[in-house]
């Protein structure tokens, strides 16, 4: 996929963003506590998405969704 080609899936879009801007803020989860919460970079988010995808692939029967 080149720089001008649009990704076909959300996963591809996330992978591209993680490749080009791995340390940029992707998500910030806020809580009611002042200094609590979770911050994920694009690298973190991509790693978590890949981890979940791999776990799902191990559990799935080929050909079934």
Protein backbone atom coordinates (compact mmCIF):
# COMPACT_ATOMS: atom_id res chain seq x y z
CA UNK A 1 0.00 0.00 0.00
CA UNK A 2 1.53 3.34 -0.98
CA UNK A 3 0.97 6.76 0.62
CA UNK A 4 -1.84 7.66 -1.80
CA UNK A 5 -3.76 4.40 -1.57
CA UNK A 6 -6.65 4.35 0.89
CA UNK A 7 -6.76 1.44 3.32
CA UNK A 8 -9.45 -1.18 2.76
CA UNK A 9 -9.99 -1.90 6.44
CA UNK A 10 -9.83 -0.20 9.79
CA UNK A 11 -7.00 -2.57 10.73
CA UNK A 12 -4.96 -1.40 7.71
CA UNK A 13 -5.59 2.24 8.61
CA UNK A 14 -4.42 1.63 12.17
CA UNK A 15 -1.32 -0.25 11.00
CA UNK A 16 -0.39 2.59 8.66
CA UNK A 17 -0.86 5.20 11.37
CA UNK A 18 1.21 3.13 13.81
CA UNK A 19 3.97 2.83 11.22
CA UNK A 20 4.13 6.55 10.45
CA UNK A 21 3.32 8.09 13.86
CA UNK A 22 3.86 5.37 16.46
CA UNK A 23 4.25 7.69 19.46
CA UNK A 24 1.36 10.01 18.66
CA UNK A 25 -1.65 9.96 20.98
CA UNK A 26 -4.40 7.72 19.62
CA UNK A 27 -6.84 7.44 22.52
CA UNK A 28 -7.28 8.99 25.93
CA UNK A 29 -9.73 7.32 28.29
CA UNK A 30 -10.93 9.69 31.00
CA UNK A 31 -12.18 8.83 34.45
CA UNK A 32 -13.74 10.79 37.27
CA UNK A 33 -10.44 10.75 39.13
CA UNK A 34 -8.17 13.71 38.40
CA UNK A 35 -4.96 11.93 37.39
CA UNK A 36 -6.44 8.58 36.47
CA UNK A 37 -7.10 7.38 32.99
CA UNK A 38 -5.40 5.57 30.19
CA UNK A 39 -3.45 6.97 27.26
CA UNK A 40 -2.68 4.85 24.20
CA UNK A 41 -0.34 5.73 21.37
CA UNK A 42 -0.92 4.39 17.88
CA UNK A 43 1.81 1.81 18.57
CA UNK A 44 0.00 0.69 21.75
CA UNK A 45 -3.37 0.54 20.02
CA UNK A 46 -1.99 -1.42 17.05
CA UNK A 47 -0.27 -3.90 19.38
CA UNK A 48 -3.47 -4.42 21.38
CA UNK A 49 -5.53 -4.87 18.21
CA UNK A 50 -3.04 -7.41 16.82
CA UNK A 51 -3.00 -9.29 20.13
CA UNK A 52 -6.79 -9.55 20.17
CA UNK A 53 -6.87 -10.59 16.50
CA UNK A 54 -4.32 -13.35 17.12
CA UNK A 55 -6.30 -14.66 20.09
CA UNK A 56 -9.49 -14.70 18.04
CA UNK A 57 -7.75 -16.53 15.18
CA UNK A 58 -6.54 -19.22 17.59
CA UNK A 59 -10.10 -19.74 18.85
CA UNK A 60 -11.94 -19.61 15.52
CA UNK A 61 -12.73 -22.59 13.36
CA UNK A 62 -11.48 -21.95 9.80
CA UNK A 63 -14.37 -20.90 7.57
CA UNK A 64 -16.61 -19.84 10.48
CA UNK A 65 -17.20 -16.32 11.77
